[in-house]
Amino acid sequence: MLGSLSQQEMEQLLLRNVTGRIGCRDGDRIYIVPVSYVYHDKSIIAHSTEGLKIKMMRKTPDVCFEVDEIQDMANWQSVIGTGRFEEIHGEKEKYYAMKFLVSRLLHMRVSETAHLPHMVTDGGEEVSLTTSVRPVVYRIRFEFMTGRYEKT
């Protein structure tokens, strides 16, 4: 059976997962890339180092975001949202956004850009970020979401 997910089901899918895909564009060029994220208050929060994705989203902030759960080809759920890229600039807001993101990702192996400044890891060692790996922290505020599923 094919069907549509309710608003609550879409939000639950976004809350359960930590990996999604951002689709962005720069003129005729389209770029789709996986990201680690956390969902909160009709937005996702994510981070990245400076690169093509950030450059494209700064130029054209209208983006698409997709998350799915696939058990097999006849049992899956998917959410696609459109929204706007917003870079988080304030140091305090950026710190708390990263803290929230890292707290959701603690059970996973975390990239070096995801550590908070002077953060103590589970092993007790202190990690400092150099300015060369300070992440760009951003949110995508959803303006529209749609969700579909198939279930046997």
Protein backbone atom coordinates (compact mmCIF):
# COMPACT_ATOMS: atom_id res chain seq x y z
CA MET A 1 0.00 0.00 0.00
CA LEU A 2 1.25 3.47 -0.92
CA GLY A 3 0.33 6.46 1.20
CA SER A 4 1.15 9.89 2.51
CA LEU A 5 2.74 10.56 5.90
CA SER A 6 1.00 12.91 8.32
CA GLN A 7 2.82 15.96 9.69
CA GLN A 8 3.51 14.07 12.93
CA GLU A 9 4.84 11.01 11.04
CA MET A 10 7.13 13.22 8.95
CA GLU A 11 8.50 14.90 12.07
CA GLN A 12 9.03 11.52 13.78
CA LEU A 13 10.98 10.27 10.74
CA LEU A 14 13.17 13.40 10.83
CA LEU A 15 13.72 13.01 14.59
CA ARG A 16 14.67 9.31 14.34
CA ASN A 17 17.37 9.87 11.75
CA VAL A 18 20.65 11.79 11.67
CA THR A 19 21.64 11.52 8.00
CA GLY A 20 19.86 13.20 5.13
CA ARG A 21 20.64 14.72 1.74
CA ILE A 22 20.71 18.36 0.75
CA GLY A 23 20.01 19.36 -2.82
CA CYS A 24 21.28 22.79 -3.81
CA ARG A 25 21.86 24.62 -7.05
CA ASP A 26 23.97 27.30 -8.62
CA GLY A 27 22.44 28.29 -11.93
CA ASP A 28 22.19 25.15 -14.07
CA ARG A 29 24.40 23.07 -11.76
CA ILE A 30 22.69 20.85 -9.15
CA TYR A 31 24.53 19.27 -6.24
CA ILE A 32 23.19 16.62 -3.85
CA VAL A 33 25.22 15.66 -0.80
CA PRO A 34 24.63 13.65 2.40
CA VAL A 35 24.86 15.50 5.72
CA SER A 36 24.57 14.70 9.41
CA TYR A 37 21.81 16.74 10.98
CA VAL A 38 19.51 17.19 13.93
CA TYR A 39 15.85 18.15 13.54
CA HIS A 40 14.37 20.82 15.80
CA ASP A 41 11.47 23.24 15.52
CA LYS A 42 10.69 22.72 11.80
CA SER A 43 14.38 23.11 10.89
CA ILE A 44 17.45 20.99 10.53
CA ILE A 45 20.75 22.05 12.03
CA ALA A 46 23.95 20.88 10.35
CA HIS A 47 27.57 21.86 9.86
CA SER A 48 30.19 21.74 7.16
CA THR A 49 33.61 23.04 6.34
CA GLU A 50 33.84 25.69 3.62
CA GLY A 51 33.38 24.08 0.23
CA LEU A 52 31.16 23.77 -2.81
CA LYS A 53 27.94 23.03 -0.88
CA ILE A 54 28.31 26.07 1.39
CA LYS A 55 29.32 28.29 -1.53
CA MET A 56 26.26 27.19 -3.52
CA MET A 57 23.84 27.59 -0.59
CA ARG A 58 25.17 31.07 0.21
CA LYS A 59 24.59 32.08 -3.41
CA THR A 60 21.17 30.38 -3.77
CA PRO A 61 19.69 29.70 -0.29
CA ASP A 62 16.59 27.86 -1.54
CA VAL A 63 17.36 24.16 -0.99
CA CYS A 64 15.75 20.75 -0.78
CA PHE A 65 16.32 18.19 2.01
CA GLU A 66 15.49 14.48 1.92
CA VAL A 67 15.49 11.68 4.51
CA ASP A 68 14.34 8.12 4.08
CA GLU A 69 14.15 4.82 5.89
CA ILE A 70 14.20 1.75 3.67
CA GLN A 71 13.65 -1.74 5.03
CA ASP A 72 13.25 -3.18 1.52
CA MET A 73 11.78 -2.10 -1.82
CA ALA A 74 8.21 -2.62 -0.57
CA ASN A 75 8.61 -1.09 2.92
CA TRP A 76 9.96 2.44 3.13
CA GLN A 77 9.22 5.99 4.28
CA SER A 78 10.55 9.24 2.84
CA VAL A 79 10.31 12.94 3.67
CA ILE A 80 11.27 15.74 1.31
CA GLY A 81 11.33 19.31 2.54
CA THR A 82 12.05 22.58 0.82
CA GLY A 83 13.39 25.53 2.72
CA ARG A 84 16.04 28.18 3.08
CA PHE A 85 19.67 27.91 4.12
CA GLU A 86 20.55 30.22 7.03
CA GLU A 87 24.10 30.42 8.29
CA ILE A 88 24.35 30.73 12.08
CA HIS A 89 26.84 33.52 12.82
CA GLY A 90 26.53 34.37 16.52
CA GLU A 91 29.16 32.55 18.57
CA LYS A 92 26.73 31.69 21.37
CA GLU A 93 24.01 30.43 19.00
CA LYS A 94 26.62 28.53 16.96
CA TYR A 95 28.02 26.91 20.13
CA TYR A 96 24.59 25.73 21.30
CA ALA A 97 23.60 24.53 17.82
CA MET A 98 26.81 22.45 17.64
CA LYS A 99 26.29 21.18 21.19
CA PHE A 100 22.76 20.05 20.26
CA LEU A 101 24.01 18.40 17.06
CA VAL A 102 26.93 16.64 18.75
CA SER A 103 24.69 15.39 21.59
CA ARG A 104 22.53 13.58 19.00
CA LEU A 105 25.58 12.14 17.24
CA LEU A 106 27.51 10.96 20.34
CA HIS A 107 26.79 7.28 19.65
CA MET A 108 28.33 7.63 16.19
CA ARG A 109 31.87 8.32 15.07
CA VAL A 110 32.09 12.13 14.81
CA SER A 111 34.13 14.09 12.28
CA GLU A 112 36.78 16.51 13.49
CA THR A 113 34.61 19.48 12.47
CA ALA A 114 31.81 18.36 14.81
CA HIS A 115 33.73 18.79 18.08
CA LEU A 116 33.01 21.80 20.26
CA PRO A 117 35.96 24.04 21.17
CA HIS A 118 37.78 22.58 24.19
CA MET A 119 35.39 19.66 24.24
CA VAL A 120 36.24 16.63 26.38
CA THR A 121 35.71 13.35 24.54
CA ASP A 122 34.39 10.12 26.07
CA GLY A 123 38.00 8.97 26.49
CA GLY A 124 38.72 11.98 28.71
CA GLU A 125 40.98 13.77 26.24
CA GLU A 126 40.44 17.45 25.50
CA VAL A 127 40.03 18.48 21.87
CA SER A 128 40.54 22.01 20.54
CA LEU A 129 39.49 23.28 17.16
CA THR A 130 41.98 25.19 15.13
CA THR A 131 40.58 28.04 13.07
CA SER A 132 41.30 26.05 9.91
CA VAL A 133 38.65 23.43 10.77
CA ARG A 134 36.02 25.63 12.42
CA PRO A 135 32.73 24.52 10.92
CA VAL A 136 30.13 26.58 9.15
CA VAL A 137 27.02 25.93 11.27
CA TYR A 138 23.70 26.40 9.55
CA ARG A 139 20.02 25.63 9.61
CA ILE A 140 17.50 24.91 6.92
CA ARG A 141 14.09 26.24 7.85
CA PHE A 142 11.43 24.15 6.17
CA GLU A 143 8.76 26.02 4.28
CA PHE A 144 7.09 22.88 2.92
CA MET A 145 7.36 19.15 3.62
CA THR A 146 5.85 16.12 1.98
CA GLY A 147 6.10 12.51 3.08
CA ARG A 148 5.29 9.22 1.41
CA TYR A 149 5.48 5.56 2.38
CA GLU A 150 4.98 2.08 1.05
CA LYS A 151 4.11 -0.82 3.29
CA THR A 152 3.25 -4.45 2.54
